[in-house]
C-alpha atoms as a PDB file:
ATOM      1  CA  MET A   1     -31.459 -12.136  -3.826  1.00  0.00           C
ATOM      2  CA  ARG A   2     -29.080 -10.221  -6.054  1.00  0.00           C
ATOM      3  CA  SER A   3     -26.176  -8.298  -4.540  1.00  0.00           C
ATOM      4  CA  LYS A   4     -26.066  -4.496  -4.526  1.00  0.00           C
ATOM      5  CA  SER A   5     -22.891  -4.490  -6.628  1.00  0.00           C
ATOM      6  CA  CYS A   6     -24.696  -6.394  -9.413  1.00  0.00           C
ATOM      7  CA  LEU A   7     -27.593  -3.941  -9.286  1.00  0.00           C
ATOM      8  CA  ILE A   8     -25.209  -0.982  -9.453  1.00  0.00           C
ATOM      9  CA  LEU A   9     -23.469  -2.428 -12.521  1.00  0.00           C
ATOM     10  CA  GLU A  10     -26.800  -3.120 -14.228  1.00  0.00           C
ATOM     11  CA  ASN A  11     -28.090   0.382 -13.504  1.00  0.00           C
ATOM     12  CA  TYR A  12     -24.984   2.430 -14.231  1.00  0.00           C
ATOM     13  CA  ARG A  13     -22.747   0.204 -16.401  1.00  0.00           C
ATOM     14  CA  PRO A  14     -24.944  -2.373 -18.130  1.00  0.00           C
ATOM     15  CA  ASN A  15     -22.361  -3.339 -20.806  1.00  0.00           C
ATOM     16  CA  PHE A  16     -19.553  -4.130 -18.372  1.00  0.00           C
ATOM     17  CA  ASP A  17     -17.661  -7.387 -19.021  1.00  0.00           C
ATOM     18  CA  ALA A  18     -15.191  -8.322 -16.262  1.00  0.00           C
ATOM     19  CA  ASN A  19     -13.414 -10.880 -18.469  1.00  0.00           C
ATOM     20  CA  LYS A  20     -12.432  -8.219 -21.042  1.00  0.00           C
ATOM     21  CA  CYS A  21     -11.727  -5.319 -18.706  1.00  0.00           C
ATOM     22  CA  LYS A  22      -8.078  -4.208 -19.012  1.00  0.00           C
ATOM     23  CA  THR A  23      -8.198  -2.565 -15.580  1.00  0.00           C
ATOM     24  CA  ILE A  24      -9.018  -5.867 -13.890  1.00  0.00           C
ATOM     25  CA  LEU A  25      -6.289  -7.639 -15.873  1.00  0.00           C
ATOM     26  CA  LEU A  26      -3.812  -5.001 -14.696  1.00  0.00           C
ATOM     27  CA  LEU A  27      -4.969  -5.597 -11.106  1.00  0.00           C
ATOM     28  CA  ASP A  28      -4.251  -9.315 -11.548  1.00  0.00           C
ATOM     29  CA  VAL A  29      -0.714  -8.486 -12.703  1.00  0.00           C
ATOM     30  CA  ILE A  30      -0.137  -6.230  -9.678  1.00  0.00           C
ATOM     31  CA  LEU A  31      -1.370  -8.915  -7.274  1.00  0.00           C
ATOM     32  CA  TYR A  32       0.913 -11.520  -8.865  1.00  0.00           C
ATOM     33  CA  LEU A  33       3.864  -9.112  -8.638  1.00  0.00           C
ATOM     34  CA  SER A  34       3.158  -8.422  -4.955  1.00  0.00           C
ATOM     35  CA  VAL A  35       3.191 -12.155  -4.220  1.00  0.00           C
ATOM     36  CA  ALA A  36       6.401 -12.574  -6.239  1.00  0.00           C
ATOM     37  CA  SER A  37       8.050  -9.692  -4.338  1.00  0.00           C
ATOM     38  CA  ALA A  38       7.173 -11.326  -1.022  1.00  0.00           C
ATOM     39  CA  LEU A  39       8.694 -14.596  -2.241  1.00  0.00           C
ATOM     40  CA  PHE A  40      11.897 -12.807  -3.270  1.00  0.00           C
ATOM     41  CA  VAL A  41      12.171 -11.518   0.298  1.00  0.00           C
ATOM     42  CA  TYR A  42      11.086 -14.781   1.962  1.00  0.00           C
ATOM     43  CA  LEU A  43      13.188 -17.350   0.084  1.00  0.00           C
ATOM     44  CA  PRO A  44      16.660 -15.752   0.620  1.00  0.00           C
ATOM     45  CA  LEU A  45      15.857 -15.347   4.319  1.00  0.00           C
ATOM     46  CA  ILE A  46      14.927 -19.037   4.591  1.00  0.00           C
ATOM     47  CA  LEU A  47      18.152 -20.029   2.816  1.00  0.00           C
ATOM     48  CA  VAL A  48      20.159 -17.930   5.282  1.00  0.00           C
ATOM     49  CA  LEU A  49      18.251 -19.559   8.153  1.00  0.00           C
ATOM     50  CA  VAL A  50      18.993 -23.095   6.924  1.00  0.00           C
ATOM     51  CA  TYR A  51      22.630 -22.259   6.201  1.00  0.00           C
ATOM     52  CA  ASP A  52      23.324 -20.546   9.537  1.00  0.00           C
ATOM     53  CA  PRO A  53      20.562 -20.875  12.188  1.00  0.00           C
ATOM     54  CA  ALA A  54      23.055 -19.595  14.773  1.00  0.00           C
ATOM     55  CA  GLY A  55      23.284 -16.229  13.027  1.00  0.00           C
ATOM     56  CA  ALA A  56      22.969 -12.984  14.957  1.00  0.00           C
ATOM     57  CA  ILE A  57      19.359 -12.385  13.827  1.00  0.00           C
ATOM     58  CA  PHE A  58      18.132 -15.813  15.049  1.00  0.00           C
ATOM     59  CA  ILE A  59      17.642 -17.217  18.546  1.00  0.00           C
ATOM     60  CA  GLY A  60      20.255 -19.879  17.744  1.00  0.00           C
ATOM     61  CA  ASP A  61      22.860 -17.207  18.457  1.00  0.00           C
ATOM     62  CA  LEU A  62      21.859 -17.365  22.165  1.00  0.00           C
ATOM     63  CA  ILE A  63      22.495 -21.108  22.451  1.00  0.00           C
ATOM     64  CA  PRO A  64      26.064 -22.227  23.341  1.00  0.00           C
ATOM     65  CA  THR A  65      27.861 -24.044  20.563  1.00  0.00           C
ATOM     66  CA  ALA A  66      28.315 -27.159  22.675  1.00  0.00           C
ATOM     67  CA  TYR A  67      24.559 -27.586  23.029  1.00  0.00           C
ATOM     68  CA  PHE A  68      23.683 -26.592  19.469  1.00  0.00           C
ATOM     69  CA  VAL A  69      23.226 -30.169  18.245  1.00  0.00           C
ATOM     70  CA  PHE A  70      21.096 -31.293  15.308  1.00  0.00           C
ATOM     71  CA  PRO A  71      17.705 -31.531  17.148  1.00  0.00           C
ATOM     72  CA  ILE A  72      18.150 -28.006  18.586  1.00  0.00           C
ATOM     73  CA  ARG A  73      19.288 -26.752  15.195  1.00  0.00           C
ATOM     74  CA  LEU A  74      16.180 -28.250  13.558  1.00  0.00           C
ATOM     75  CA  ILE A  75      13.877 -26.705  16.178  1.00  0.00           C
ATOM     76  CA  VAL A  76      15.407 -23.269  15.596  1.00  0.00           C
ATOM     77  CA  ILE A  77      14.970 -23.627  11.817  1.00  0.00           C
ATOM     78  CA  LEU A  78      11.344 -24.761  12.138  1.00  0.00           C
ATOM     79  CA  PHE A  79      10.501 -22.010  14.635  1.00  0.00           C
ATOM     80  CA  HIS A  80      11.948 -19.180  12.575  1.00  0.00           C
ATOM     81  CA  GLY A  81      10.684 -20.669   9.304  1.00  0.00           C
ATOM     82  CA  TYR A  82       7.125 -20.827  10.669  1.00  0.00           C
ATOM     83  CA  LEU A  83       7.360 -17.294  12.119  1.00  0.00           C
ATOM     84  CA  ILE A  84       8.705 -15.808   8.884  1.00  0.00           C
ATOM     85  CA  LEU A  85       6.078 -17.646   6.818  1.00  0.00           C
ATOM     86  CA  VAL A  86       3.216 -16.337   8.976  1.00  0.00           C
ATOM     87  CA  VAL A  87       4.526 -12.769   8.805  1.00  0.00           C
ATOM     88  CA  HIS A  88       4.814 -12.895   5.016  1.00  0.00           C
ATOM     89  CA  LEU A  89       1.368 -14.478   4.587  1.00  0.00           C
ATOM     90  CA  VAL A  90      -0.205 -11.748   6.729  1.00  0.00           C
ATOM     91  CA  MET A  91       1.610  -9.058   4.733  1.00  0.00           C
ATOM     92  CA  ILE A  92       0.521 -10.591   1.411  1.00  0.00           C
ATOM     93  CA  SER A  93      -3.105 -10.973   2.571  1.00  0.00           C
ATOM     94  CA  LEU A  94      -3.374  -7.426   3.927  1.00  0.00           C
ATOM     95  CA  GLY A  95      -1.552  -5.941   0.941  1.00  0.00           C
ATOM     96  CA  ASN A  96      -3.636  -7.720  -1.696  1.00  0.00           C
ATOM     97  CA  ALA A  97      -6.905  -6.985   0.124  1.00  0.00           C
ATOM     98  CA  ALA A  98      -5.961  -3.299   0.276  1.00  0.00           C
ATOM     99  CA  TRP A  99      -5.061  -3.299  -3.430  1.00  0.00           C
ATOM    100  CA  VAL A 100      -8.391  -4.851  -4.423  1.00  0.00           C
ATOM    101  CA  TYR A 101     -10.322  -2.361  -2.300  1.00  0.00           C
ATOM    102  CA  LEU A 102      -8.444   0.698  -3.582  1.00  0.00           C
ATOM    103  CA  TRP A 103      -8.426  -0.528  -7.177  1.00  0.00           C
ATOM    104  CA  TYR A 104     -12.218  -0.684  -7.292  1.00  0.00           C
ATOM    105  CA  ILE A 105     -13.157   2.486  -5.420  1.00  0.00           C
ATOM    106  CA  THR A 106     -10.516   4.729  -6.993  1.00  0.00           C
ATOM    107  CA  PRO A 107     -12.061   4.929 -10.526  1.00  0.00           C
ATOM    108  CA  ILE A 108     -15.508   5.623  -9.043  1.00  0.00           C
ATOM    109  CA  TYR A 109     -14.181   8.293  -6.721  1.00  0.00           C
ATOM    110  CA  THR A 110     -11.630  10.022  -8.979  1.00  0.00           C
ATOM    111  CA  LYS A 111     -13.340   9.717 -12.383  1.00  0.00           C
ATOM    112  CA  GLU A 112     -17.030   8.874 -12.204  1.00  0.00           C
ATOM    113  CA  LEU A 113     -17.924  11.418  -9.495  1.00  0.00           C
ATOM    114  CA  ARG A 114     -16.005  14.208 -11.196  1.00  0.00           C
ATOM    115  CA  ILE A 115     -18.182  16.657 -13.094  1.00  0.00           C
ATOM    116  CA  GLY A 116     -17.125  17.924 -16.516  1.00  0.00           C
ATOM    117  CA  ARG A 117     -15.246  14.868 -17.751  1.00  0.00           C
ATOM    118  CA  GLY A 118     -16.207  13.543 -21.176  1.00  0.00           C
ATOM    119  CA  ASN A 119     -14.982   9.953 -20.784  1.00  0.00           C
ATOM    120  CA  HIS A 120     -17.242   8.618 -18.054  1.00  0.00           C
ATOM    121  CA  LYS A 121     -17.842   4.883 -18.291  1.00  0.00           C
ATOM    122  CA  MET A 122     -20.950   4.819 -16.098  1.00  0.00           C
ATOM    123  CA  GLU A 123     -24.381   6.222 -16.884  1.00  0.00           C
ATOM    124  CA  ASP A 124     -25.045   9.944 -16.358  1.00  0.00           C
ATOM    125  CA  THR A 125     -27.728   9.182 -13.763  1.00  0.00           C
ATOM    126  CA  LEU A 126     -24.878   8.322 -11.378  1.00  0.00           C
ATOM    127  CA  ARG A 127     -23.944  12.018 -11.337  1.00  0.00           C
ATOM    128  CA  ASN A 128     -27.279  13.565 -10.431  1.00  0.00           C
ATOM    129  CA  PRO A 129     -27.164  15.453  -7.096  1.00  0.00           C
ATOM    130  CA  LYS A 130     -28.939  12.840  -4.994  1.00  0.00           C
ATOM    131  CA  ASN A 131     -26.795   9.940  -6.231  1.00  0.00           C
ATOM    132  CA  ILE A 132     -23.544  11.878  -5.911  1.00  0.00           C
ATOM    133  CA  ARG A 133     -24.288  12.773  -2.297  1.00  0.00           C
ATOM    134  CA  HIS A 134     -25.293   9.228  -1.446  1.00  0.00           C
ATOM    135  CA  ILE A 135     -22.322   7.521  -3.181  1.00  0.00           C
ATOM    136  CA  PHE A 136     -19.737   9.960  -1.837  1.00  0.00           C
ATOM    137  CA  ARG A 137     -20.963   9.553   1.745  1.00  0.00           C
ATOM    138  CA  CYS A 138     -20.989   5.753   1.345  1.00  0.00           C
ATOM    139  CA  LEU A 139     -17.399   5.812   0.078  1.00  0.00           C
ATOM    140  CA  GLN A 140     -16.389   8.182   2.867  1.00  0.00           C
ATOM    141  CA  VAL A 141     -17.890   6.011   5.617  1.00  0.00           C
ATOM    142  CA  LEU A 142     -16.516   2.795   4.080  1.00  0.00           C
ATOM    143  CA  HIS A 143     -13.040   4.298   3.739  1.00  0.00           C
ATOM    144  CA  ALA A 144     -13.045   5.664   7.304  1.00  0.00           C
ATOM    145  CA  ASN A 145     -14.018   2.284   8.770  1.00  0.00           C
ATOM    146  CA  ILE A 146     -11.449   0.344   6.739  1.00  0.00           C
ATOM    147  CA  PHE A 147      -8.611   2.748   7.464  1.00  0.00           C
ATOM    148  CA  CYS A 148      -9.202   2.612  11.206  1.00  0.00           C
ATOM    149  CA  VAL A 149      -7.207  -0.623  10.910  1.00  0.00           C
ATOM    150  CA  LEU A 150      -5.459  -0.313   7.559  1.00  0.00           C
ATOM    151  CA  GLY A 151      -4.236   3.205   8.370  1.00  0.00           C
ATOM    152  CA  LEU A 152      -2.246   1.868  11.324  1.00  0.00           C
ATOM    153  CA  VAL A 153      -0.752  -0.799   9.058  1.00  0.00           C
ATOM    154  CA  ILE A 154       0.310   1.888   6.570  1.00  0.00           C
ATOM    155  CA  LEU A 155       1.866   3.965   9.350  1.00  0.00           C
ATOM    156  CA  VAL A 156       3.879   0.998  10.660  1.00  0.00           C
ATOM    157  CA  CYS A 157       4.881  -0.104   7.139  1.00  0.00           C
ATOM    158  CA  ASN A 158       6.099   3.380   6.245  1.00  0.00           C
ATOM    159  CA  ALA A 159       8.420   3.439   9.269  1.00  0.00           C
ATOM    160  CA  SER A 160       9.578  -0.188   8.948  1.00  0.00           C
ATOM    161  CA  PHE A 161      10.216   0.029   5.192  1.00  0.00           C
ATOM    162  CA  MET A 162      12.244   3.212   5.660  1.00  0.00           C
ATOM    163  CA  LEU A 163      14.323   1.778   8.533  1.00  0.00           C
ATOM    164  CA  THR A 164      14.905  -1.499   6.666  1.00  0.00           C
ATOM    165  CA  SER A 165      16.062   0.394   3.570  1.00  0.00           C
ATOM    166  CA  ILE A 166      18.434   2.518   5.665  1.00  0.00           C
ATOM    167  CA  TYR A 167      19.827  -0.589   7.358  1.00  0.00           C
ATOM    168  CA  CYS A 168      20.387  -2.412   4.047  1.00  0.00           C
ATOM    169  CA  ASN A 169      22.073   0.624   2.462  1.00  0.00           C
ATOM    170  CA  PHE A 170      24.296   1.099   5.515  1.00  0.00           C
ATOM    171  CA  VAL A 171      25.427  -2.532   5.610  1.00  0.00           C
ATOM    172  CA  LEU A 172      26.088  -2.617   1.856  1.00  0.00           C
ATOM    173  CA  ILE A 173      28.164   0.586   1.915  1.00  0.00           C
ATOM    174  CA  ARG A 174      30.026   0.041   5.182  1.00  0.00           C
ATOM    175  CA  TYR A 175      30.720  -3.708   4.985  1.00  0.00           C
ATOM    176  CA  TRP A 176      30.777  -4.361   1.232  1.00  0.00           C
ATOM    177  CA  ASP A 177      34.268  -5.858   1.276  1.00  0.00           C
ATOM    178  CA  GLU A 178      33.462  -8.107   4.253  1.00  0.00           C
ATOM    179  CA  LEU A 179      30.157  -9.514   2.987  1.00  0.00           C
ATOM    180  CA  GLN A 180      29.880 -12.792   1.155  1.00  0.00           C
ATOM    181  CA  GLY A 181      28.348 -12.855  -2.307  1.00  0.00           C
ATOM    182  CA  PHE A 182      25.088 -14.388  -1.072  1.00  0.00           C
ATOM    183  CA  SER A 183      24.741 -11.739   1.651  1.00  0.00           C
ATOM    184  CA  LYS A 184      25.362  -8.964  -0.856  1.00  0.00           C
ATOM    185  CA  MET A 185      22.644 -10.348  -3.108  1.00  0.00           C
ATOM    186  CA  GLN A 186      20.233 -10.619  -0.183  1.00  0.00           C
ATOM    187  CA  PHE A 187      20.747  -7.043   1.028  1.00  0.00           C
ATOM    188  CA  LEU A 188      20.568  -5.665  -2.516  1.00  0.00           C
ATOM    189  CA  ASN A 189      17.367  -7.612  -3.079  1.00  0.00           C
ATOM    190  CA  TRP A 190      15.789  -6.287   0.107  1.00  0.00           C
ATOM    191  CA  SER A 191      16.886  -2.720  -0.551  1.00  0.00           C
ATOM    192  CA  VAL A 192      15.395  -2.613  -4.048  1.00  0.00           C
ATOM    193  CA  ILE A 193      12.134  -4.366  -3.117  1.00  0.00           C
ATOM    194  CA  PHE A 194      11.457  -2.341   0.041  1.00  0.00           C
ATOM    195  CA  VAL A 195      12.295   1.020  -1.546  1.00  0.00           C
ATOM    196  CA  TRP A 196      10.425   0.673  -4.816  1.00  0.00           C
ATOM    197  CA  SER A 197       7.417  -1.301  -3.576  1.00  0.00           C
ATOM    198  CA  TRP A 198       6.644   1.329  -0.947  1.00  0.00           C
ATOM    199  CA  GLN A 199       7.351   4.106  -3.428  1.00  0.00           C
ATOM    200  CA  PHE A 200       4.593   2.610  -5.595  1.00  0.00           C
ATOM    201  CA  ILE A 201       2.157   2.724  -2.644  1.00  0.00           C
ATOM    202  CA  LEU A 202       3.043   6.357  -1.935  1.00  0.00           C
ATOM    203  CA  GLU A 203       2.550   7.269  -5.590  1.00  0.00           C
ATOM    204  CA  PHE A 204      -0.885   5.644  -5.544  1.00  0.00           C
ATOM    205  CA  GLY A 205      -1.786   7.613  -2.415  1.00  0.00           C
ATOM    206  CA  ARG A 206      -0.562  10.827  -4.018  1.00  0.00           C
ATOM    207  CA  TYR A 207      -2.745  10.133  -7.050  1.00  0.00           C
ATOM    208  CA  ILE A 208      -5.872   9.629  -4.926  1.00  0.00           C
ATOM    209  CA  SER A 209      -5.162  12.777  -2.920  1.00  0.00           C
ATOM    210  CA  SER A 210      -4.579  14.895  -6.025  1.00  0.00           C
ATOM    211  CA  LYS A 211      -7.551  13.613  -8.006  1.00  0.00           C
ATOM    212  CA  GLY A 212      -9.829  13.748  -4.955  1.00  0.00           C
ATOM    213  CA  GLY A 213      -9.246  17.468  -4.629  1.00  0.00           C
ATOM    214  CA  LYS A 214     -10.190  17.936  -8.274  1.00  0.00           C
ATOM    215  CA  VAL A 215     -13.405  15.943  -7.761  1.00  0.00           C
ATOM    216  CA  LEU A 216     -14.604  18.310  -5.031  1.00  0.00           C
ATOM    217  CA  ALA A 217     -13.442  21.339  -7.018  1.00  0.00           C
ATOM    218  CA  SER A 218     -15.535  20.185 -10.021  1.00  0.00           C
ATOM    219  CA  TRP A 219     -18.713  20.365  -7.913  1.00  0.00           C
ATOM    220  CA  LYS A 220     -18.167  23.991  -6.987  1.00  0.00           C
ATOM    221  CA  GLY A 221     -20.140  26.365  -9.169  1.00  0.00           C
ATOM    222  CA  ASN A 222     -21.829  23.592 -11.130  1.00  0.00           C
ATOM    223  CA  LYS A 223     -25.521  24.015 -12.033  1.00  0.00           C
ATOM    224  CA  TRP A 224     -27.511  21.147 -10.537  1.00  0.00           C
ATOM    225  CA  GLY A 225     -30.905  21.867 -12.100  1.00  0.00           C
ATOM    226  CA  SER A 226     -32.678  23.996  -9.495  1.00  0.00           C
ATOM    227  CA  MET A 227     -31.996  26.646  -6.882  1.00  0.00           C
ATOM    228  CA  ARG A 228     -32.746  24.190  -4.083  1.00  0.00           C
ATOM    229  CA  GLU A 229     -30.314  21.565  -5.393  1.00  0.00           C
ATOM    230  CA  ASN A 230     -27.666  24.243  -5.896  1.00  0.00           C
ATOM    231  CA  ARG A 231     -27.973  25.300  -2.241  1.00  0.00           C
ATOM    232  CA  VAL A 232     -27.987  21.709  -0.980  1.00  0.00           C
ATOM    233  CA  MET A 233     -24.900  20.783  -3.037  1.00  0.00           C
ATOM    234  CA  GLU A 234     -23.112  23.941  -1.922  1.00  0.00           C
ATOM    235  CA  ARG A 235     -23.644  22.990   1.740  1.00  0.00           C
ATOM    236  CA  PHE A 236     -22.764  19.380   1.024  1.00  0.00           C
ATOM    237  CA  HIS A 237     -19.560  20.458  -0.737  1.00  0.00           C
ATOM    238  CA  ARG A 238     -18.476  22.464   2.316  1.00  0.00           C
ATOM    239  CA  SER A 239     -18.960  19.394   4.522  1.00  0.00           C
ATOM    240  CA  CYS A 240     -16.795  17.130   2.325  1.00  0.00           C
ATOM    241  CA  LYS A 241     -13.099  16.416   2.583  1.00  0.00           C
ATOM    242  CA  PRO A 242     -11.002  14.512   0.033  1.00  0.00           C
ATOM    243  CA  ILE A 243     -10.646  10.778   0.646  1.00  0.00           C
ATOM    244  CA  VAL A 244      -6.957  10.039   1.268  1.00  0.00           C
ATOM    245  CA  LEU A 245      -4.751   7.198   2.482  1.00  0.00           C
ATOM    246  CA  ALA A 246      -4.112   8.168   6.084  1.00  0.00           C
ATOM    247  CA  TYR A 247      -4.098   7.189   9.716  1.00  0.00           C
ATOM    248  CA  GLY A 248      -6.213   9.912  11.274  1.00  0.00           C
ATOM    249  CA  ASN A 249      -4.285  13.174  11.172  1.00  0.00           C
ATOM    250  CA  HIS A 250      -1.027  11.551  12.280  1.00  0.00           C
ATOM    251  CA  PHE A 251       0.072  10.255   8.875  1.00  0.00           C
ATOM    252  CA  VAL A 252      -1.425  11.368   5.560  1.00  0.00           C
ATOM    253  CA  ILE A 253      -0.087  10.355   2.145  1.00  0.00           C
ATOM    254  CA  GLY A 254      -0.068  13.481  -0.016  1.00  0.00           C
ATOM    255  CA  ARG A 255       1.821  15.111  -2.861  1.00  0.00           C
ATOM    256  CA  LEU A 256       5.158  15.355  -1.025  1.00  0.00           C
ATOM    257  CA  SER A 257       5.132  11.964   0.701  1.00  0.00           C
ATOM    258  CA  ILE A 258       7.418  10.338  -1.889  1.00  0.00           C
ATOM    259  CA  LEU A 259      10.006  13.110  -1.573  1.00  0.00           C
ATOM    260  CA  ARG A 260       9.909  12.859   2.223  1.00  0.00           C
ATOM    261  CA  TYR A 261      10.336   9.085   1.991  1.00  0.00           C
ATOM    262  CA  PHE A 262      13.438   9.233  -0.213  1.00  0.00           C
ATOM    263  CA  ARG A 263      14.819  12.176   1.763  1.00  0.00           C
ATOM    264  CA  GLY A 264      14.406  10.163   4.982  1.00  0.00           C
ATOM    265  CA  ILE A 265      16.233   7.169   3.491  1.00  0.00           C
ATOM    266  CA  THR A 266      19.068   9.346   2.152  1.00  0.00           C
ATOM    267  CA  ARG A 267      19.515  11.315   5.372  1.00  0.00           C
ATOM    268  CA  GLY A 268      19.265   8.224   7.556  1.00  0.00           C
ATOM    269  CA  THR A 269      21.868   6.357   5.497  1.00  0.00           C
ATOM    270  CA  PHE A 270      24.390   9.202   5.565  1.00  0.00           C
ATOM    271  CA  ARG A 271      23.836   9.879   9.277  1.00  0.00           C
ATOM    272  CA  ALA A 272      24.454   6.199  10.070  1.00  0.00           C
ATOM    273  CA  LEU A 273      27.624   6.238   7.966  1.00  0.00           C
ATOM    274  CA  LEU A 274      28.904   9.447   9.584  1.00  0.00           C
ATOM    275  CA  THR A 275      28.103   8.177  13.090  1.00  0.00           C
ATOM    276  CA  THR A 276      30.111   4.973  12.574  1.00  0.00           C
ATOM    277  CA  LYS A 277      32.910   6.575  10.579  1.00  0.00           C
ATOM    278  CA  LYS A 278      36.183   4.804  11.260  1.00  0.00           C
END
């Protein structure tokens, strides 16, 4: 039995070739970059762990020096190495799964369902009233179910990425002269990766929010072929809300999310510096 996705491609995009699609190739590049970014965060942390397992951020700091012999040192390294590896694998898996999901639904939602565009890649039958209502509701239900879990992850990541960036900036500015070269490189690496990787996510969310509003606006006032369809689409349009990256109504990525993110990092860094001013 053939899958529904194959039937949709045959009905609405019969000439599609996944091996030559530039969009899919770009997705592959993004997934490889996300894995590389995680490795750039993971490897320096492992090197720090091996070099100094009794550091302040490891449990080895709680063990007296007299008892911190080689077997205990090895156990601490293995414990933290395993914990850090699991955390990074979970982050990579969730992040890449979210990218694949968003990468495939975004063109359908922001481009193919928008009326009045001249560069649609799918057949025009996709945009008749019945199909538009059915596809939009399917996307809405799918997105709501996925973001019951993924929305909480985005909320936690937004807070943790901001706090980590503030911490790295504070340490680099306040203790620059006291840090070793390897520590400086590590904090700089973390600061750049955390700030700009999350900024990319926020920009993607802003794009979906902005284009989603234009999709619904393109339905308003459009002639759907009959008086009955016009009335049905008018009622359907009033019942629709743009699909956005959000966790309920508590955290919604919109047009100003990037500015709020950088403003939070800047304010947090300067407040930490002023609070600990010598």
